[in-house]
């Protein structure tokens, strides 16, 4: 028998806050979701009331954007975003996402290399892309780099589709068999706001499989109407059409920062 889905576990389940992720910019809590007679599972809860006001995104909408990103990922076949739902939790309505356990090596399992890293300038590892150069806190020249990896490439395309304004290195999680993307509250804006550390494929032609992913993303539009504004839905459709028409990965645009801060 297959394991019940994350959403199926919610029926009659108890959601208990066990801690807070203090490095997050918005109120973000680690929780245990315990279904009746079942084992608890870890998840991340982001209540709407804990969202920090932003100048360019409407207040109280980040949870819906998290869910919209998951729906695009799951339905179109990107398969990058952990299962996400909207719940009425201990601190009110918010997004709830399945926790992804990433090994740090302390539990005896192998620690995986970060797919995005900071290296001395001019020392880009073989099979990696340089994204941007700068200096560190000690004024030493450094470069932000990312791996030339097919799952990261798919994530870069996904971010272009959803207009992700905040693809930091910390928002990319790697497990032994998968690469995951998290923190998608700053997506689906009507204006072009793509900010990412995954620019290595900028200008490269889309493969037929990637074109199919974008085409399948268009079909998700009917699921987005209750989560983002009508204008944002139209902008989403136009972005997909533009990607298919131009046929290549986007390049940084002028007039808007193309790298999130901090990048890692």
C-alpha atoms as a PDB file:
ATOM      1  CA  UNK A   1       0.000   0.000   0.000  1.00  0.00           C
ATOM      2  CA  UNK A   2       1.373   3.422  -0.936  1.00  0.00           C
ATOM      3  CA  UNK A   3       2.014   6.023   1.730  1.00  0.00           C
ATOM      4  CA  UNK A   4      -0.819   8.602   2.040  1.00  0.00           C
ATOM      5  CA  UNK A   5      -0.101  11.989   0.511  1.00  0.00           C
ATOM      6  CA  UNK A   6       0.780  15.009   2.589  1.00  0.00           C
ATOM      7  CA  UNK A   7      -2.665  16.526   1.953  1.00  0.00           C
ATOM      8  CA  UNK A   8      -4.393  13.264   2.915  1.00  0.00           C
ATOM      9  CA  UNK A   9      -2.598  13.258   6.271  1.00  0.00           C
ATOM     10  CA  UNK A  10      -4.258  16.572   7.181  1.00  0.00           C
ATOM     11  CA  UNK A  11      -7.677  15.061   7.810  1.00  0.00           C
ATOM     12  CA  UNK A  12      -8.107  15.064  11.583  1.00  0.00           C
ATOM     13  CA  UNK A  13      -4.384  15.657  12.107  1.00  0.00           C
ATOM     14  CA  UNK A  14      -2.885  17.683  14.939  1.00  0.00           C
ATOM     15  CA  UNK A  15      -0.404  20.424  14.014  1.00  0.00           C
ATOM     16  CA  UNK A  16       2.064  21.248  16.785  1.00  0.00           C
ATOM     17  CA  UNK A  17       4.675  23.995  16.640  1.00  0.00           C
ATOM     18  CA  UNK A  18       8.036  22.650  17.832  1.00  0.00           C
ATOM     19  CA  UNK A  19      10.419  25.466  16.917  1.00  0.00           C
ATOM     20  CA  UNK A  20      11.087  28.557  14.867  1.00  0.00           C
ATOM     21  CA  UNK A  21      13.441  28.987  11.907  1.00  0.00           C
ATOM     22  CA  UNK A  22      15.029  32.214  13.084  1.00  0.00           C
ATOM     23  CA  UNK A  23      17.000  32.972   9.912  1.00  0.00           C
ATOM     24  CA  UNK A  24      13.842  33.290   7.807  1.00  0.00           C
ATOM     25  CA  UNK A  25      12.749  36.827   6.930  1.00  0.00           C
ATOM     26  CA  UNK A  26       9.101  36.003   7.704  1.00  0.00           C
ATOM     27  CA  UNK A  27       7.723  34.094  10.688  1.00  0.00           C
ATOM     28  CA  UNK A  28       8.496  30.461   9.861  1.00  0.00           C
ATOM     29  CA  UNK A  29       7.886  27.546  12.218  1.00  0.00           C
ATOM     30  CA  UNK A  30       8.962  23.916  12.333  1.00  0.00           C
ATOM     31  CA  UNK A  31       5.952  21.763  13.154  1.00  0.00           C
ATOM     32  CA  UNK A  32       4.901  18.175  13.658  1.00  0.00           C
ATOM     33  CA  UNK A  33       1.836  17.000  11.768  1.00  0.00           C
ATOM     34  CA  UNK A  34       0.360  13.962  13.509  1.00  0.00           C
ATOM     35  CA  UNK A  35      -2.550  12.146  11.827  1.00  0.00           C
ATOM     36  CA  UNK A  36      -4.910  10.038  13.972  1.00  0.00           C
ATOM     37  CA  UNK A  37      -3.129   6.805  14.813  1.00  0.00           C
ATOM     38  CA  UNK A  38      -0.156   7.726  12.641  1.00  0.00           C
ATOM     39  CA  UNK A  39       3.412   8.835  13.069  1.00  0.00           C
ATOM     40  CA  UNK A  40       4.261  12.553  13.138  1.00  0.00           C
ATOM     41  CA  UNK A  41       5.948  14.141  10.155  1.00  0.00           C
ATOM     42  CA  UNK A  42       7.909  17.375  10.085  1.00  0.00           C
ATOM     43  CA  UNK A  43       6.672  20.354   8.121  1.00  0.00           C
ATOM     44  CA  UNK A  44       7.215  24.095   7.747  1.00  0.00           C
ATOM     45  CA  UNK A  45       4.381  26.458   8.685  1.00  0.00           C
ATOM     46  CA  UNK A  46       4.327  30.096   7.560  1.00  0.00           C
ATOM     47  CA  UNK A  47       1.338  31.972   9.003  1.00  0.00           C
ATOM     48  CA  UNK A  48       0.010  34.903   6.993  1.00  0.00           C
ATOM     49  CA  UNK A  49       0.054  37.094  10.109  1.00  0.00           C
ATOM     50  CA  UNK A  50       3.839  36.632  10.278  1.00  0.00           C
ATOM     51  CA  UNK A  51       4.523  37.937   6.775  1.00  0.00           C
ATOM     52  CA  UNK A  52       6.763  40.991   6.655  1.00  0.00           C
ATOM     53  CA  UNK A  53       5.220  43.813   4.559  1.00  0.00           C
ATOM     54  CA  UNK A  54       6.912  44.333   1.184  1.00  0.00           C
ATOM     55  CA  UNK A  55       6.822  47.358  -1.082  1.00  0.00           C
ATOM     56  CA  UNK A  56       6.225  45.394  -4.283  1.00  0.00           C
ATOM     57  CA  UNK A  57       4.021  42.456  -3.240  1.00  0.00           C
ATOM     58  CA  UNK A  58       0.515  42.805  -1.754  1.00  0.00           C
ATOM     59  CA  UNK A  59       0.277  42.135   1.980  1.00  0.00           C
ATOM     60  CA  UNK A  60      -0.966  38.739   3.085  1.00  0.00           C
ATOM     61  CA  UNK A  61      -0.452  36.946  -0.242  1.00  0.00           C
ATOM     62  CA  UNK A  62       2.785  34.999   0.194  1.00  0.00           C
ATOM     63  CA  UNK A  63       1.112  31.797   1.401  1.00  0.00           C
ATOM     64  CA  UNK A  64      -1.067  31.644  -1.711  1.00  0.00           C
ATOM     65  CA  UNK A  65       2.011  32.187  -3.877  1.00  0.00           C
ATOM     66  CA  UNK A  66       3.752  29.285  -2.135  1.00  0.00           C
ATOM     67  CA  UNK A  67       0.799  27.049  -2.995  1.00  0.00           C
ATOM     68  CA  UNK A  68       0.632  28.354  -6.570  1.00  0.00           C
ATOM     69  CA  UNK A  69       4.316  27.518  -7.070  1.00  0.00           C
ATOM     70  CA  UNK A  70       3.731  23.990  -5.788  1.00  0.00           C
ATOM     71  CA  UNK A  71       0.771  23.500  -8.116  1.00  0.00           C
ATOM     72  CA  UNK A  72       2.802  24.577 -11.150  1.00  0.00           C
ATOM     73  CA  UNK A  73       5.695  22.336 -10.082  1.00  0.00           C
ATOM     74  CA  UNK A  74       3.522  19.282  -9.454  1.00  0.00           C
ATOM     75  CA  UNK A  75       1.015  19.591 -12.291  1.00  0.00           C
ATOM     76  CA  UNK A  76       3.397  20.636 -15.066  1.00  0.00           C
ATOM     77  CA  UNK A  77       5.965  18.010 -14.077  1.00  0.00           C
ATOM     78  CA  UNK A  78       8.857  20.105 -12.771  1.00  0.00           C
ATOM     79  CA  UNK A  79       8.656  18.102  -9.506  1.00  0.00           C
ATOM     80  CA  UNK A  80      10.834  20.521  -7.565  1.00  0.00           C
ATOM     81  CA  UNK A  81       8.639  21.885  -4.752  1.00  0.00           C
ATOM     82  CA  UNK A  82       7.747  19.828  -1.663  1.00  0.00           C
ATOM     83  CA  UNK A  83       4.043  19.182  -1.091  1.00  0.00           C
ATOM     84  CA  UNK A  84       2.374  22.407   0.027  1.00  0.00           C
ATOM     85  CA  UNK A  85      -1.119  23.224   1.291  1.00  0.00           C
ATOM     86  CA  UNK A  86      -2.974  26.089   2.959  1.00  0.00           C
ATOM     87  CA  UNK A  87      -4.033  25.391   6.545  1.00  0.00           C
ATOM     88  CA  UNK A  88      -5.705  27.181   9.418  1.00  0.00           C
ATOM     89  CA  UNK A  89      -2.915  26.519  11.890  1.00  0.00           C
ATOM     90  CA  UNK A  90      -2.118  27.480  15.491  1.00  0.00           C
ATOM     91  CA  UNK A  91      -1.317  31.059  14.406  1.00  0.00           C
ATOM     92  CA  UNK A  92      -4.051  31.338  11.808  1.00  0.00           C
ATOM     93  CA  UNK A  93      -4.114  30.693   8.061  1.00  0.00           C
ATOM     94  CA  UNK A  94      -0.808  30.049   6.340  1.00  0.00           C
ATOM     95  CA  UNK A  95       1.162  27.722   4.108  1.00  0.00           C
ATOM     96  CA  UNK A  96       2.263  24.287   5.285  1.00  0.00           C
ATOM     97  CA  UNK A  97       5.034  22.483   3.420  1.00  0.00           C
ATOM     98  CA  UNK A  98       6.582  19.078   3.905  1.00  0.00           C
ATOM     99  CA  UNK A  99       9.983  19.342   5.573  1.00  0.00           C
ATOM    100  CA  UNK A 100      12.969  18.238   3.504  1.00  0.00           C
ATOM    101  CA  UNK A 101      15.738  16.715   5.600  1.00  0.00           C
ATOM    102  CA  UNK A 102      19.192  17.703   4.388  1.00  0.00           C
ATOM    103  CA  UNK A 103      22.185  15.941   5.914  1.00  0.00           C
ATOM    104  CA  UNK A 104      24.928  18.041   7.497  1.00  0.00           C
ATOM    105  CA  UNK A 105      27.094  14.961   8.085  1.00  0.00           C
ATOM    106  CA  UNK A 106      26.647  15.029  11.854  1.00  0.00           C
ATOM    107  CA  UNK A 107      24.261  12.051  11.894  1.00  0.00           C
ATOM    108  CA  UNK A 108      26.704   9.759  10.135  1.00  0.00           C
ATOM    109  CA  UNK A 109      25.179  10.161   6.675  1.00  0.00           C
ATOM    110  CA  UNK A 110      27.176  11.706   3.874  1.00  0.00           C
ATOM    111  CA  UNK A 111      27.010  15.475   3.588  1.00  0.00           C
ATOM    112  CA  UNK A 112      26.151  16.488   0.032  1.00  0.00           C
ATOM    113  CA  UNK A 113      27.969  19.291  -1.746  1.00  0.00           C
ATOM    114  CA  UNK A 114      26.042  22.538  -2.035  1.00  0.00           C
ATOM    115  CA  UNK A 115      24.857  23.093  -5.625  1.00  0.00           C
ATOM    116  CA  UNK A 116      25.584  26.827  -5.217  1.00  0.00           C
ATOM    117  CA  UNK A 117      28.836  27.932  -3.634  1.00  0.00           C
ATOM    118  CA  UNK A 118      31.283  30.767  -3.029  1.00  0.00           C
ATOM    119  CA  UNK A 119      34.822  30.245  -4.360  1.00  0.00           C
ATOM    120  CA  UNK A 120      37.930  32.403  -4.842  1.00  0.00           C
ATOM    121  CA  UNK A 121      37.636  34.448  -8.025  1.00  0.00           C
ATOM    122  CA  UNK A 122      39.211  32.712 -11.005  1.00  0.00           C
ATOM    123  CA  UNK A 123      38.918  29.246  -9.437  1.00  0.00           C
ATOM    124  CA  UNK A 124      35.609  28.029 -10.834  1.00  0.00           C
ATOM    125  CA  UNK A 125      35.412  24.217 -10.489  1.00  0.00           C
ATOM    126  CA  UNK A 126      35.169  22.176 -13.667  1.00  0.00           C
ATOM    127  CA  UNK A 127      31.538  21.578 -14.560  1.00  0.00           C
ATOM    128  CA  UNK A 128      30.357  24.729 -12.789  1.00  0.00           C
ATOM    129  CA  UNK A 129      29.158  28.150 -13.964  1.00  0.00           C
ATOM    130  CA  UNK A 130      30.315  31.485 -12.592  1.00  0.00           C
ATOM    131  CA  UNK A 131      27.355  33.763 -11.862  1.00  0.00           C
ATOM    132  CA  UNK A 132      28.845  36.931 -10.402  1.00  0.00           C
ATOM    133  CA  UNK A 133      32.112  38.180  -8.891  1.00  0.00           C
ATOM    134  CA  UNK A 134      32.563  40.349  -5.824  1.00  0.00           C
ATOM    135  CA  UNK A 135      34.581  40.664  -2.630  1.00  0.00           C
ATOM    136  CA  UNK A 136      34.035  39.020   0.734  1.00  0.00           C
ATOM    137  CA  UNK A 137      34.105  40.606   4.193  1.00  0.00           C
ATOM    138  CA  UNK A 138      37.914  40.643   4.040  1.00  0.00           C
ATOM    139  CA  UNK A 139      38.006  42.299   0.579  1.00  0.00           C
ATOM    140  CA  UNK A 140      39.141  39.081  -1.081  1.00  0.00           C
ATOM    141  CA  UNK A 141      37.869  38.553  -4.653  1.00  0.00           C
ATOM    142  CA  UNK A 142      35.258  35.789  -4.745  1.00  0.00           C
ATOM    143  CA  UNK A 143      32.705  34.377  -7.176  1.00  0.00           C
ATOM    144  CA  UNK A 144      29.250  32.858  -6.761  1.00  0.00           C
ATOM    145  CA  UNK A 145      29.099  29.629  -8.778  1.00  0.00           C
ATOM    146  CA  UNK A 146      26.589  26.873  -9.399  1.00  0.00           C
ATOM    147  CA  UNK A 147      26.819  23.328 -10.714  1.00  0.00           C
ATOM    148  CA  UNK A 148      25.972  22.422 -14.312  1.00  0.00           C
ATOM    149  CA  UNK A 149      23.302  20.008 -13.164  1.00  0.00           C
ATOM    150  CA  UNK A 150      20.141  18.909 -15.024  1.00  0.00           C
ATOM    151  CA  UNK A 151      17.903  19.318 -11.968  1.00  0.00           C
ATOM    152  CA  UNK A 152      19.238  22.832 -11.387  1.00  0.00           C
ATOM    153  CA  UNK A 153      18.647  23.602 -15.057  1.00  0.00           C
ATOM    154  CA  UNK A 154      15.036  22.505 -14.666  1.00  0.00           C
ATOM    155  CA  UNK A 155      14.788  24.734 -11.590  1.00  0.00           C
ATOM    156  CA  UNK A 156      16.121  27.704 -13.575  1.00  0.00           C
ATOM    157  CA  UNK A 157      13.364  27.147 -16.138  1.00  0.00           C
ATOM    158  CA  UNK A 158      10.756  26.778 -13.390  1.00  0.00           C
ATOM    159  CA  UNK A 159      11.870  30.082 -11.868  1.00  0.00           C
ATOM    160  CA  UNK A 160      11.522  31.790 -15.244  1.00  0.00           C
ATOM    161  CA  UNK A 161       7.984  30.436 -15.581  1.00  0.00           C
ATOM    162  CA  UNK A 162       6.841  31.589 -12.126  1.00  0.00           C
ATOM    163  CA  UNK A 163       8.895  34.824 -12.173  1.00  0.00           C
ATOM    164  CA  UNK A 164      10.774  33.963  -8.984  1.00  0.00           C
ATOM    165  CA  UNK A 165      12.229  37.099  -7.407  1.00  0.00           C
ATOM    166  CA  UNK A 166      14.211  35.275  -4.719  1.00  0.00           C
ATOM    167  CA  UNK A 167      16.127  32.161  -5.818  1.00  0.00           C
ATOM    168  CA  UNK A 168      18.951  32.242  -3.290  1.00  0.00           C
ATOM    169  CA  UNK A 169      21.376  29.384  -2.841  1.00  0.00           C
ATOM    170  CA  UNK A 170      19.778  28.659   0.541  1.00  0.00           C
ATOM    171  CA  UNK A 171      16.455  28.066  -1.202  1.00  0.00           C
ATOM    172  CA  UNK A 172      17.900  25.028  -3.001  1.00  0.00           C
ATOM    173  CA  UNK A 173      18.004  21.791  -1.003  1.00  0.00           C
ATOM    174  CA  UNK A 174      19.776  18.635  -2.095  1.00  0.00           C
ATOM    175  CA  UNK A 175      18.983  15.100  -0.953  1.00  0.00           C
ATOM    176  CA  UNK A 176      20.635  11.918  -2.267  1.00  0.00           C
ATOM    177  CA  UNK A 177      18.107  11.501  -5.092  1.00  0.00           C
ATOM    178  CA  UNK A 178      16.486  14.896  -5.570  1.00  0.00           C
ATOM    179  CA  UNK A 179      17.036  18.612  -5.736  1.00  0.00           C
ATOM    180  CA  UNK A 180      14.285  20.682  -4.139  1.00  0.00           C
ATOM    181  CA  UNK A 181      13.302  24.338  -4.307  1.00  0.00           C
ATOM    182  CA  UNK A 182      11.697  26.089  -1.335  1.00  0.00           C
ATOM    183  CA  UNK A 183      10.573  29.608  -0.356  1.00  0.00           C
ATOM    184  CA  UNK A 184       8.411  30.666  -3.283  1.00  0.00           C
ATOM    185  CA  UNK A 185       6.493  33.517  -1.676  1.00  0.00           C
ATOM    186  CA  UNK A 186       7.995  36.125  -4.011  1.00  0.00           C
ATOM    187  CA  UNK A 187       6.707  34.779  -7.315  1.00  0.00           C
ATOM    188  CA  UNK A 188       4.050  35.515  -9.946  1.00  0.00           C
ATOM    189  CA  UNK A 189       4.421  39.305  -9.975  1.00  0.00           C
ATOM    190  CA  UNK A 190       3.082  41.086 -13.051  1.00  0.00           C
ATOM    191  CA  UNK A 191       6.408  42.883 -13.607  1.00  0.00           C
ATOM    192  CA  UNK A 192       9.563  41.007 -14.689  1.00  0.00           C
ATOM    193  CA  UNK A 193      11.319  40.331 -11.372  1.00  0.00           C
ATOM    194  CA  UNK A 194      13.445  37.245 -11.977  1.00  0.00           C
ATOM    195  CA  UNK A 195      16.280  37.273  -9.433  1.00  0.00           C
ATOM    196  CA  UNK A 196      18.292  34.095  -9.201  1.00  0.00           C
ATOM    197  CA  UNK A 197      21.732  32.591  -8.730  1.00  0.00           C
ATOM    198  CA  UNK A 198      21.016  30.109 -11.548  1.00  0.00           C
ATOM    199  CA  UNK A 199      22.015  32.166 -14.593  1.00  0.00           C
ATOM    200  CA  UNK A 200      24.467  29.631 -16.029  1.00  0.00           C
ATOM    201  CA  UNK A 201      22.160  28.594 -18.869  1.00  0.00           C
ATOM    202  CA  UNK A 202      21.092  32.111 -19.829  1.00  0.00           C
ATOM    203  CA  UNK A 203      20.603  32.330 -23.595  1.00  0.00           C
ATOM    204  CA  UNK A 204      20.832  28.563 -24.174  1.00  0.00           C
ATOM    205  CA  UNK A 205      18.165  26.983 -26.368  1.00  0.00           C
ATOM    206  CA  UNK A 206      15.348  25.072 -24.700  1.00  0.00           C
ATOM    207  CA  UNK A 207      15.269  21.355 -25.389  1.00  0.00           C
ATOM    208  CA  UNK A 208      12.079  19.731 -26.638  1.00  0.00           C
ATOM    209  CA  UNK A 209      11.508  18.307 -23.158  1.00  0.00           C
ATOM    210  CA  UNK A 210      11.879  21.785 -21.649  1.00  0.00           C
ATOM    211  CA  UNK A 211       9.482  23.271 -24.185  1.00  0.00           C
ATOM    212  CA  UNK A 212       6.990  20.599 -23.173  1.00  0.00           C
ATOM    213  CA  UNK A 213       7.382  21.573 -19.511  1.00  0.00           C
ATOM    214  CA  UNK A 214       6.553  25.188 -20.371  1.00  0.00           C
ATOM    215  CA  UNK A 215       3.576  24.087 -22.476  1.00  0.00           C
ATOM    216  CA  UNK A 216       2.335  21.938 -19.597  1.00  0.00           C
ATOM    217  CA  UNK A 217       2.771  24.916 -17.266  1.00  0.00           C
ATOM    218  CA  UNK A 218       0.309  26.889 -19.403  1.00  0.00           C
ATOM    219  CA  UNK A 219      -2.310  24.231 -18.705  1.00  0.00           C
ATOM    220  CA  UNK A 220      -2.034  24.919 -14.958  1.00  0.00           C
ATOM    221  CA  UNK A 221      -3.467  28.412 -15.386  1.00  0.00           C
ATOM    222  CA  UNK A 222      -7.002  27.388 -14.360  1.00  0.00           C
ATOM    223  CA  UNK A 223      -5.680  26.279 -10.963  1.00  0.00           C
ATOM    224  CA  UNK A 224      -4.086  29.658 -10.236  1.00  0.00           C
ATOM    225  CA  UNK A 225      -7.134  31.937 -10.397  1.00  0.00           C
ATOM    226  CA  UNK A 226      -7.987  31.553  -6.709  1.00  0.00           C
ATOM    227  CA  UNK A 227      -4.394  32.080  -5.563  1.00  0.00           C
ATOM    228  CA  UNK A 228      -3.052  35.063  -7.525  1.00  0.00           C
ATOM    229  CA  UNK A 229      -4.699  38.104  -9.114  1.00  0.00           C
ATOM    230  CA  UNK A 230      -6.249  38.088 -12.605  1.00  0.00           C
ATOM    231  CA  UNK A 231      -3.470  40.375 -13.854  1.00  0.00           C
ATOM    232  CA  UNK A 232      -0.859  37.986 -12.446  1.00  0.00           C
ATOM    233  CA  UNK A 233      -2.551  35.059 -14.186  1.00  0.00           C
ATOM    234  CA  UNK A 234      -2.389  36.931 -17.504  1.00  0.00           C
ATOM    235  CA  UNK A 235       1.279  37.800 -16.892  1.00  0.00           C
ATOM    236  CA  UNK A 236       1.973  34.121 -16.156  1.00  0.00           C
ATOM    237  CA  UNK A 237       0.432  33.074 -19.467  1.00  0.00           C
ATOM    238  CA  UNK A 238       2.383  35.748 -21.340  1.00  0.00           C
ATOM    239  CA  UNK A 239       5.673  34.651 -19.720  1.00  0.00           C
ATOM    240  CA  UNK A 240       5.119  31.077 -20.826  1.00  0.00           C
ATOM    241  CA  UNK A 241       4.227  32.228 -24.332  1.00  0.00           C
ATOM    242  CA  UNK A 242       7.349  34.406 -24.475  1.00  0.00           C
ATOM    243  CA  UNK A 243       9.570  31.521 -23.364  1.00  0.00           C
ATOM    244  CA  UNK A 244       8.128  29.303 -26.077  1.00  0.00           C
ATOM    245  CA  UNK A 245       8.342  32.026 -28.716  1.00  0.00           C
ATOM    246  CA  UNK A 246      11.953  32.994 -27.936  1.00  0.00           C
ATOM    247  CA  UNK A 247      12.962  29.391 -27.338  1.00  0.00           C
ATOM    248  CA  UNK A 248      15.814  30.020 -24.911  1.00  0.00           C
ATOM    249  CA  UNK A 249      16.563  30.551 -21.237  1.00  0.00           C
ATOM    250  CA  UNK A 250      16.186  34.194 -20.205  1.00  0.00           C
ATOM    251  CA  UNK A 251      19.113  36.543 -19.720  1.00  0.00           C
ATOM    252  CA  UNK A 252      19.401  39.214 -17.007  1.00  0.00           C
ATOM    253  CA  UNK A 253      17.416  42.354 -17.831  1.00  0.00           C
ATOM    254  CA  UNK A 254      18.487  45.896 -17.161  1.00  0.00           C
ATOM    255  CA  UNK A 255      16.583  48.049 -14.695  1.00  0.00           C
ATOM    256  CA  UNK A 256      16.102  45.336 -12.061  1.00  0.00           C
ATOM    257  CA  UNK A 257      18.688  43.497  -9.921  1.00  0.00           C
ATOM    258  CA  UNK A 258      19.217  40.030 -11.372  1.00  0.00           C
ATOM    259  CA  UNK A 259      20.878  38.504  -8.271  1.00  0.00           C
ATOM    260  CA  UNK A 260      19.026  38.142  -4.928  1.00  0.00           C
ATOM    261  CA  UNK A 261      20.624  39.434  -1.751  1.00  0.00           C
ATOM    262  CA  UNK A 262      22.208  37.727  -0.060  1.00  0.00           C
ATOM    263  CA  UNK A 263      22.899  35.332  -2.966  1.00  0.00           C
ATOM    264  CA  UNK A 264      23.586  32.379  -0.669  1.00  0.00           C
END
